[in-house]
Protein backbone atom coordinates (compact mmCIF):
# COMPACT_ATOMS: atom_id res chain seq x y z
CA UNK A 1 -22.89 -23.19 -10.89
CA UNK A 2 -25.10 -26.02 -12.35
CA UNK A 3 -23.92 -29.54 -12.06
CA UNK A 4 -23.64 -29.96 -15.94
CA UNK A 5 -21.02 -27.00 -15.89
CA UNK A 6 -17.99 -29.13 -14.83
CA UNK A 7 -14.72 -27.64 -14.10
CA UNK A 8 -11.74 -30.20 -14.87
CA UNK A 9 -8.07 -30.01 -14.00
CA UNK A 10 -7.36 -28.32 -17.30
CA UNK A 11 -9.69 -25.41 -16.86
CA UNK A 12 -8.31 -24.89 -13.29
CA UNK A 13 -4.85 -24.71 -14.94
CA UNK A 14 -6.17 -22.31 -17.70
CA UNK A 15 -7.64 -20.11 -14.75
CA UNK A 16 -4.47 -20.13 -12.85
CA UNK A 17 -2.47 -19.25 -15.69
CA UNK A 18 -4.91 -16.41 -16.95
CA UNK A 19 -4.90 -15.21 -13.19
CA UNK A 20 -1.02 -14.89 -13.33
CA UNK A 21 -1.11 -13.20 -16.75
CA UNK A 22 -4.34 -12.44 -18.40
CA UNK A 23 -2.31 -11.56 -21.78
CA UNK A 24 -0.90 -15.11 -21.97
CA UNK A 25 -1.29 -16.52 -25.51
CA UNK A 26 -3.47 -19.36 -26.31
CA UNK A 27 -0.57 -21.13 -27.60
CA UNK A 28 1.23 -20.81 -24.44
CA UNK A 29 -1.57 -22.22 -22.33
CA UNK A 30 -2.00 -24.96 -25.03
CA UNK A 31 1.39 -26.00 -24.46
CA UNK A 32 0.89 -26.20 -20.69
CA UNK A 33 -2.52 -28.00 -20.74
CA UNK A 34 -1.60 -30.16 -23.85
CA UNK A 35 -4.54 -29.08 -25.92
CA UNK A 36 -4.97 -27.12 -28.99
CA UNK A 37 -5.08 -23.38 -29.05
CA UNK A 38 -8.66 -23.54 -30.42
CA UNK A 39 -9.62 -25.88 -27.59
CA UNK A 40 -8.35 -23.51 -25.08
CA UNK A 41 -10.15 -20.47 -26.82
CA UNK A 42 -13.50 -22.77 -26.41
CA UNK A 43 -12.57 -23.62 -22.85
CA UNK A 44 -12.25 -20.02 -22.00
CA UNK A 45 -15.45 -18.99 -23.83
CA UNK A 46 -17.21 -21.51 -21.93
CA UNK A 47 -15.79 -20.27 -18.45
CA UNK A 48 -17.06 -16.90 -19.50
CA UNK A 49 -20.48 -18.14 -20.37
CA UNK A 50 -20.97 -19.95 -17.21
CA UNK A 51 -19.78 -16.92 -15.27
CA UNK A 52 -16.42 -18.54 -13.72
CA UNK A 53 -14.66 -15.85 -15.60
CA UNK A 54 -16.26 -12.40 -15.10
CA UNK A 55 -13.81 -10.28 -17.08
CA UNK A 56 -10.21 -9.87 -18.12
CA UNK A 57 -8.60 -6.75 -16.69
CA UNK A 58 -5.21 -5.21 -15.85
CA UNK A 59 -3.72 -4.31 -12.53
CA UNK A 60 -2.15 -0.65 -12.53
CA UNK A 61 0.67 0.86 -10.45
CA UNK A 62 -1.53 3.63 -9.08
CA UNK A 63 1.42 5.58 -7.65
CA UNK A 64 3.18 5.57 -11.05
CA UNK A 65 -0.04 7.14 -12.34
CA UNK A 66 0.17 9.94 -9.75
CA UNK A 67 -2.23 8.69 -7.11
CA UNK A 68 0.29 8.75 -4.36
CA UNK A 69 -2.43 8.36 -1.53
CA UNK A 70 -4.02 5.04 -1.25
CA UNK A 71 -6.67 4.45 1.52
CA UNK A 72 -8.98 1.65 2.71
CA UNK A 73 -12.19 3.47 4.09
CA UNK A 74 -14.52 1.53 6.26
CA UNK A 75 -17.87 3.10 6.09
CA UNK A 76 -20.86 2.41 8.39
CA UNK A 77 -24.18 3.31 7.25
CA UNK A 78 -27.38 4.22 9.31
CA UNK A 79 -30.02 0.95 9.09
CA UNK A 80 -31.90 1.02 5.90
CA UNK A 81 -29.45 3.27 3.86
CA UNK A 82 -27.06 0.78 2.64
CA UNK A 83 -28.45 0.36 -0.83
CA UNK A 84 -28.51 3.90 -1.45
CA UNK A 85 -25.06 4.50 -0.10
CA UNK A 86 -23.55 1.51 -2.17
CA UNK A 87 -24.85 3.20 -5.47
CA UNK A 88 -23.56 6.48 -4.46
CA UNK A 89 -20.20 5.17 -3.46
CA UNK A 90 -19.98 3.15 -6.70
CA UNK A 91 -20.08 6.36 -8.67
CA UNK A 92 -16.97 8.13 -7.47
CA UNK A 93 -14.00 8.09 -9.47
CA UNK A 94 -11.58 8.35 -6.33
CA UNK A 95 -13.17 4.81 -5.23
CA UNK A 96 -11.82 2.14 -7.24
CA UNK A 97 -13.54 -0.70 -5.34
CA UNK A 98 -16.54 -0.97 -3.05
CA UNK A 99 -17.36 -4.20 -1.27
CA UNK A 100 -20.31 -4.73 0.99
CA UNK A 101 -19.35 -6.54 4.28
CA UNK A 102 -20.86 -7.80 7.38
CA UNK A 103 -19.63 -6.89 10.93
CA UNK A 104 -18.89 -3.33 12.30
CA UNK A 105 -18.77 -1.62 8.93
CA UNK A 106 -20.94 -1.81 5.99
CA UNK A 107 -18.59 -0.97 3.16
CA UNK A 108 -14.81 -1.38 2.54
CA UNK A 109 -13.77 1.20 -0.11
CA UNK A 110 -10.47 1.48 -1.94
CA UNK A 111 -9.85 5.18 -2.44
CA UNK A 112 -7.03 6.54 -4.52
CA UNK A 113 -6.16 10.33 -4.68
CA UNK A 114 -3.26 12.33 -5.66
CA UNK A 115 -2.26 13.84 -2.35
CA UNK A 116 -3.41 14.44 1.25
CA UNK A 117 -5.31 17.58 0.76
CA UNK A 118 -7.32 15.85 -2.03
CA UNK A 119 -8.21 12.98 0.26
CA UNK A 120 -9.32 15.28 2.98
CA UNK A 121 -11.57 17.30 0.53
CA UNK A 122 -13.04 14.03 -0.74
CA UNK A 123 -13.87 12.64 2.72
CA UNK A 124 -15.00 15.89 4.17
CA UNK A 125 -16.46 17.36 1.11
CA UNK A 126 -18.18 14.18 -0.38
CA UNK A 127 -18.32 11.10 1.91
CA UNK A 128 -19.25 12.85 5.10
CA UNK A 129 -22.10 14.53 3.51
CA UNK A 130 -23.58 11.52 1.89
CA UNK A 131 -27.02 10.92 3.54
CA UNK A 132 -27.18 7.81 5.64
CA UNK A 133 -23.18 7.60 6.60
CA UNK A 134 -22.81 7.17 10.08
CA UNK A 135 -18.98 6.54 10.38
CA UNK A 136 -15.91 6.44 8.24
CA UNK A 137 -12.45 5.18 9.48
CA UNK A 138 -9.52 5.43 7.21
CA UNK A 139 -6.36 3.51 6.75
CA UNK A 140 -3.45 4.28 4.65
CA UNK A 141 -2.01 1.72 2.33
CA UNK A 142 1.77 1.69 2.77
CA UNK A 143 4.17 0.54 -0.22
CA UNK A 144 5.15 -3.21 0.11
CA UNK A 145 8.77 -2.35 1.07
CA UNK A 146 8.04 0.82 3.00
CA UNK A 147 8.80 3.15 0.08
CA UNK A 148 9.37 1.47 -3.18
CA UNK A 149 7.78 3.51 -6.05
CA UNK A 150 6.96 0.11 -7.61
CA UNK A 151 4.77 -1.12 -4.77
CA UNK A 152 0.86 -0.65 -5.02
């Protein structure tokens, strides 16, 4: 971010409010930061233009959509293969997020599937067959309270 692109306390408050609820109205934000709704809209557009806000999105409850199995996969690639593997991992519908990392694994992937058999087929039928994949470790994501359907 260039030095001319100052972020002030009102911008920070707008960001915090949008992080909590991306659907909050301009009027509600304006009331908190003591600005007009049009000023809030202008600030939000500036934050988009300078890249502070990358996109607006929603958070889904994957279990309510039928994706009962959620897994974090640590994937290690062979030297020189990480760019190719990253592109391939990013194309799978089962993988909602791919993060490149340092340390023992090259990637952390968030995987969501309907059931264990689909997870097994995805790992053995797809991920293990990717050229350059050296190792895959998986960890199941447990519901927040141990079984509540409303948990991620």
